[in-house]
Protein backbone atom coordinates (compact mmCIF):
# COMPACT_ATOMS: atom_id res chain seq x y z
CA MET A 1 175.52 132.29 166.64
CA THR A 2 172.89 131.41 164.14
CA LYS A 3 169.29 131.58 165.51
CA TYR A 4 166.35 129.23 164.96
CA ALA A 5 162.64 129.19 165.96
CA VAL A 6 160.84 125.75 165.45
CA ILE A 7 157.60 124.83 164.98
CA LEU A 8 155.73 121.87 165.70
CA PRO A 9 152.90 120.95 164.35
CA ALA A 10 150.48 118.83 166.45
CA ALA A 11 146.84 119.76 164.83
CA GLY A 12 146.32 116.59 162.72
CA ARG A 13 143.34 114.67 162.87
CA SER A 14 145.35 111.13 163.68
CA GLN A 15 142.65 109.09 161.50
CA ARG A 16 145.33 106.65 160.98
CA PHE A 17 146.14 106.30 164.66
CA GLY A 18 143.21 104.29 165.26
CA ASP A 19 142.71 105.35 169.14
CA ASN A 20 139.52 106.84 170.56
CA ASN A 21 141.42 108.72 173.73
CA TYR A 22 144.69 110.08 172.43
CA LYS A 23 145.99 112.20 169.07
CA LYS A 24 149.22 110.80 168.38
CA PRO A 25 151.15 113.57 169.49
CA PHE A 26 149.37 113.45 172.82
CA ALA A 27 149.73 109.63 173.34
CA PRO A 28 151.47 108.19 175.97
CA LEU A 29 155.43 106.91 175.16
CA ALA A 30 157.76 105.71 177.66
CA ASP A 31 155.74 107.38 180.73
CA ARG A 32 155.29 110.74 178.57
CA ALA A 33 153.20 112.36 175.92
CA VAL A 34 154.61 111.84 172.37
CA TRP A 35 155.23 115.49 171.64
CA LEU A 36 157.36 116.11 174.87
CA HIS A 37 160.02 113.99 173.65
CA THR A 38 160.01 115.63 170.63
CA VAL A 39 160.20 119.17 172.16
CA ASP A 40 163.22 118.08 174.04
CA ARG A 41 164.86 117.91 171.06
CA PHE A 42 165.01 121.38 170.49
CA THR A 43 164.53 123.50 173.57
CA ASN A 44 167.76 122.62 175.24
CA ARG A 45 169.65 124.06 172.21
CA SER A 46 171.49 127.23 172.49
CA ASP A 47 170.68 127.77 169.02
CA VAL A 48 166.88 127.40 169.30
CA CYS A 49 165.63 131.00 170.32
CA GLN A 50 161.64 129.89 169.98
CA THR A 51 159.44 126.90 170.23
CA ILE A 52 155.99 127.05 168.62
CA LEU A 53 153.69 124.06 169.16
CA VAL A 54 150.31 124.29 166.85
CA ILE A 55 147.52 122.40 168.19
CA ALA A 56 144.10 122.08 167.20
CA GLU A 57 141.08 124.56 168.54
CA GLU A 58 139.39 121.43 169.44
CA ASP A 59 142.20 120.07 171.72
CA ARG A 60 142.98 123.69 173.30
CA GLU A 61 140.89 123.31 176.76
CA SER A 62 142.36 120.11 177.54
CA PHE A 63 145.72 120.69 176.09
CA ASN A 64 145.91 123.72 178.42
CA THR A 65 144.66 121.22 181.60
CA LYS A 66 147.06 118.86 180.90
CA PHE A 67 150.32 120.44 179.68
CA GLY A 68 149.75 124.08 181.18
CA ALA A 69 152.70 123.31 183.89
CA ASN A 70 155.20 121.90 180.92
CA LEU A 71 154.44 125.17 178.72
CA ALA A 72 155.22 127.32 181.42
CA PHE A 73 158.58 125.67 182.47
CA MET A 74 159.47 125.04 179.13
CA GLY A 75 158.71 128.36 177.74
CA ILE A 76 156.73 127.12 174.42
CA ASP A 77 154.61 129.37 172.56
CA VAL A 78 151.30 127.59 171.47
CA ALA A 79 149.14 128.55 167.97
CA ILE A 80 145.82 127.19 166.98
CA GLY A 81 146.25 125.50 163.90
CA GLY A 82 143.50 125.09 160.96
CA ALA A 83 142.06 122.17 158.73
CA GLU A 84 144.86 121.44 156.83
CA ARG A 85 148.81 121.20 157.69
CA THR A 86 149.61 124.18 155.64
CA ASP A 87 147.10 126.01 157.62
CA SER A 88 148.71 124.99 161.19
CA VAL A 89 152.59 125.62 160.04
CA ALA A 90 150.94 129.37 158.56
CA ALA A 91 149.53 129.99 162.16
CA GLY A 92 152.90 129.00 163.41
CA LEU A 93 154.76 131.40 161.26
CA GLU A 94 152.38 134.26 162.75
CA LYS A 95 154.26 133.69 166.01
CA VAL A 96 157.98 133.68 164.62
CA SER A 97 160.47 135.94 166.52
CA GLU A 98 162.24 138.43 164.40
CA GLN A 99 165.05 136.71 166.37
CA ALA A 100 164.86 133.99 164.39
CA GLU A 101 167.03 133.93 161.05
CA PHE A 102 165.24 130.48 160.22
CA VAL A 103 162.68 128.38 160.38
CA ALA A 104 162.81 124.52 161.70
CA ILE A 105 159.32 122.73 161.16
CA HIS A 106 159.06 119.31 162.82
CA ASP A 107 156.56 116.64 162.90
CA ALA A 108 155.33 116.67 166.28
CA ALA A 109 155.01 112.90 165.87
CA ARG A 110 158.72 112.64 165.19
CA PRO A 111 160.34 112.03 168.70
CA CYS A 112 163.31 110.02 167.81
CA VAL A 113 165.12 112.39 165.62
CA GLU A 114 169.05 112.43 166.33
CA ASP A 115 170.48 115.65 167.87
CA ARG A 116 173.31 114.91 165.27
CA SER A 117 170.63 115.06 162.35
CA ILE A 118 169.15 118.38 163.57
CA ASP A 119 172.96 119.55 163.78
CA ALA A 120 173.74 118.71 160.18
CA VAL A 121 170.40 120.12 158.81
CA PHE A 122 170.44 123.24 160.76
CA ALA A 123 174.11 123.93 159.69
CA ALA A 124 173.09 122.81 155.96
CA ALA A 125 170.24 125.51 155.45
CA ALA A 126 172.55 128.02 157.24
CA LYS A 127 174.64 127.62 154.72
CA SER A 128 172.24 126.99 151.41
CA GLY A 129 169.07 128.78 152.87
CA ALA A 130 166.69 125.76 152.77
CA ALA A 131 167.67 121.97 153.79
CA ILE A 132 165.44 119.15 154.73
CA LEU A 133 166.42 115.57 156.25
CA ALA A 134 165.75 112.86 153.87
CA THR A 135 166.95 109.25 153.17
CA PRO A 136 167.61 107.63 149.77
CA VAL A 137 164.85 105.41 148.93
CA ALA A 138 165.86 101.91 149.21
CA ALA A 139 163.16 99.59 148.52
CA THR A 140 161.82 98.75 145.00
CA LEU A 141 159.08 100.83 144.15
CA LYS A 142 156.17 99.83 142.17
CA ARG A 143 153.04 101.61 140.62
CA ALA A 144 149.81 100.30 140.84
CA THR A 145 146.87 100.14 138.55
CA GLY A 146 143.14 98.92 138.69
CA LYS A 147 141.19 98.35 141.54
CA PRO A 148 142.16 95.52 143.11
CA PRO A 149 145.70 97.39 142.50
CA THR A 150 148.03 95.34 140.00
CA ILE A 151 151.64 96.28 139.47
CA GLY A 152 151.51 98.89 136.50
CA GLU A 153 155.34 99.43 136.41
CA THR A 154 158.01 99.19 138.48
CA VAL A 155 159.84 102.90 139.26
CA SER A 156 162.99 103.38 139.01
CA ARG A 157 164.46 104.30 142.68
CA GLU A 158 167.64 106.16 141.45
CA SER A 159 167.72 109.38 142.90
CA LEU A 160 164.57 108.75 144.79
CA TRP A 161 164.75 110.29 148.44
CA ALA A 162 161.92 110.30 150.92
CA ALA A 163 161.39 113.63 152.78
CA GLY A 164 161.42 114.06 156.36
CA THR A 165 161.37 116.65 159.08
CA PRO A 166 163.07 118.55 160.43
CA GLN A 167 162.87 121.09 157.36
CA VAL A 168 164.79 124.21 157.51
CA PHE A 169 164.49 127.51 155.92
CA ARG A 170 165.71 130.68 156.10
CA ARG A 171 162.85 132.87 157.72
CA ASP A 172 162.07 135.59 155.13
CA TRP A 173 161.88 132.22 152.57
CA ILE A 174 159.49 130.27 154.40
CA ILE A 175 157.07 133.40 155.06
CA ASP A 176 157.19 134.85 151.30
CA ALA A 177 156.57 131.21 150.22
CA TYR A 178 153.46 130.52 152.55
CA ALA A 179 151.94 134.18 151.55
CA ARG A 180 152.08 133.30 147.80
CA ARG A 181 151.16 129.53 148.16
CA GLY A 182 147.85 129.71 146.66
CA SER A 183 145.32 127.03 146.56
CA GLU A 184 147.45 124.49 145.17
CA PRO A 185 148.03 121.61 147.70
CA ALA A 186 151.68 120.60 148.91
CA THR A 187 152.58 117.79 151.01
CA ASP A 188 155.34 119.43 152.72
CA ASP A 189 157.18 122.42 153.25
CA ALA A 190 160.03 122.23 150.83
CA GLN A 191 157.92 121.96 147.76
CA LEU A 192 156.30 125.35 148.67
CA ILE A 193 160.06 126.72 148.83
CA GLU A 194 160.88 124.92 145.46
CA ARG A 195 158.07 126.76 143.76
CA LEU A 196 159.72 130.09 144.24
CA GLY A 197 162.79 128.35 142.49
CA HIS A 198 165.25 128.12 145.80
CA PRO A 199 167.13 125.14 145.95
CA VAL A 200 166.64 122.95 148.84
CA THR A 201 169.79 120.94 149.96
CA LEU A 202 168.70 117.34 151.13
CA VAL A 203 170.75 116.07 154.25
CA GLU A 204 170.77 111.91 154.80
CA ASP A 205 169.07 111.44 157.89
CA SER A 206 169.14 108.23 160.36
CA PRO A 207 166.43 105.76 159.47
CA LEU A 208 165.46 105.93 163.36
CA ASN A 209 163.74 109.17 162.60
CA ILE A 210 160.38 107.41 162.35
CA LYS A 211 157.02 109.42 162.37
CA ILE A 212 154.49 107.76 164.80
CA THR A 213 151.22 107.33 162.16
CA ARG A 214 149.75 104.05 163.88
CA ARG A 215 149.58 102.91 167.65
CA ARG A 216 152.15 99.86 166.87
CA ASP A 217 154.76 102.71 165.77
CA LEU A 218 154.72 103.54 169.53
CA ARG A 219 156.48 100.45 170.41
CA LEU A 220 159.67 100.62 168.11
CA ALA A 221 159.47 104.50 169.03
CA GLU A 222 160.12 103.40 172.57
CA GLN A 223 162.71 100.77 171.89
CA ILE A 224 164.70 103.41 169.63
CA LEU A 225 164.09 105.87 172.87
CA LYS A 226 165.89 103.55 175.06
CA THR A 227 168.78 103.59 173.32
CA ALA A 228 168.92 107.07 172.45
CA PRO A 229 167.65 109.10 175.41
CA PRO A 230 166.88 112.69 174.86
CA LYS A 231 169.59 115.22 176.01
CA LYS A 232 169.37 117.04 179.26
CA PRO A 233 171.09 119.68 180.78
CA ASP A 234 173.65 118.52 183.28
CA GLY A 235 172.27 115.16 183.17
CA ALA A 236 169.30 115.90 184.92
CA SER A 237 165.93 114.58 184.37
CA HIS A 238 162.98 116.54 183.57
CA PRO A 239 160.84 117.45 186.41
CA PHE A 240 157.47 116.20 184.57
CA ALA A 241 159.25 113.08 183.38
CA ASP A 242 157.28 110.99 185.42
CA ASP A 243 154.05 112.63 185.84
CA ASP A 244 150.44 111.84 185.28
CA LEU A 245 149.99 115.18 182.82
CA TRP A 246 149.53 113.48 179.86
CA ARG A 247 146.63 111.00 181.21
């Protein structure tokens, strides 16, 4: 069986989230922290050999106090991230086990990813070496100009896809891509793989795989989770499902 390590970046500043008490990965969602819903999608999979959560240095003490029991029970490794997302993923890569043949990178603030989407992107990556979840762009796109902005042009949406996560790559490819990333910015991990000339397969995702960015997104995520609850072994509830560890 092909083995995957999963890196969950959760070290961002959550500036758009607009909550003075919580960063978005640690905000309460259906009685649990957002990141706990997300990690559940991976820790019960037989093909996932390692799960790494990347947090900010400033959150280390409070995180360990609130979630130490969860980490011990679920067998999750923790890495300390940096100022940018790429710095955080690089910190996670340093902890990836040699047992893993592939590395999946998934936003900790995407708790609603479906099991079948994970199955599909894992399988595509195993076949081609690199694959990401994405959705075809359906909206009409406008390029803005000036201040206040006005429409400069209408952009064709043909062949355009909106990238999501997980993004899954051969372990040697993504380690090499990060080692050679330089100072040029990258908006996602696939862009670094593209720069090395490796093709990246697009796997169509469900539109329900939302990324929580603002507080109002929590209400939508809660409704999605009610209709598609996380998979549990033997139907058992999670031992920390109803606790106050995130408070």
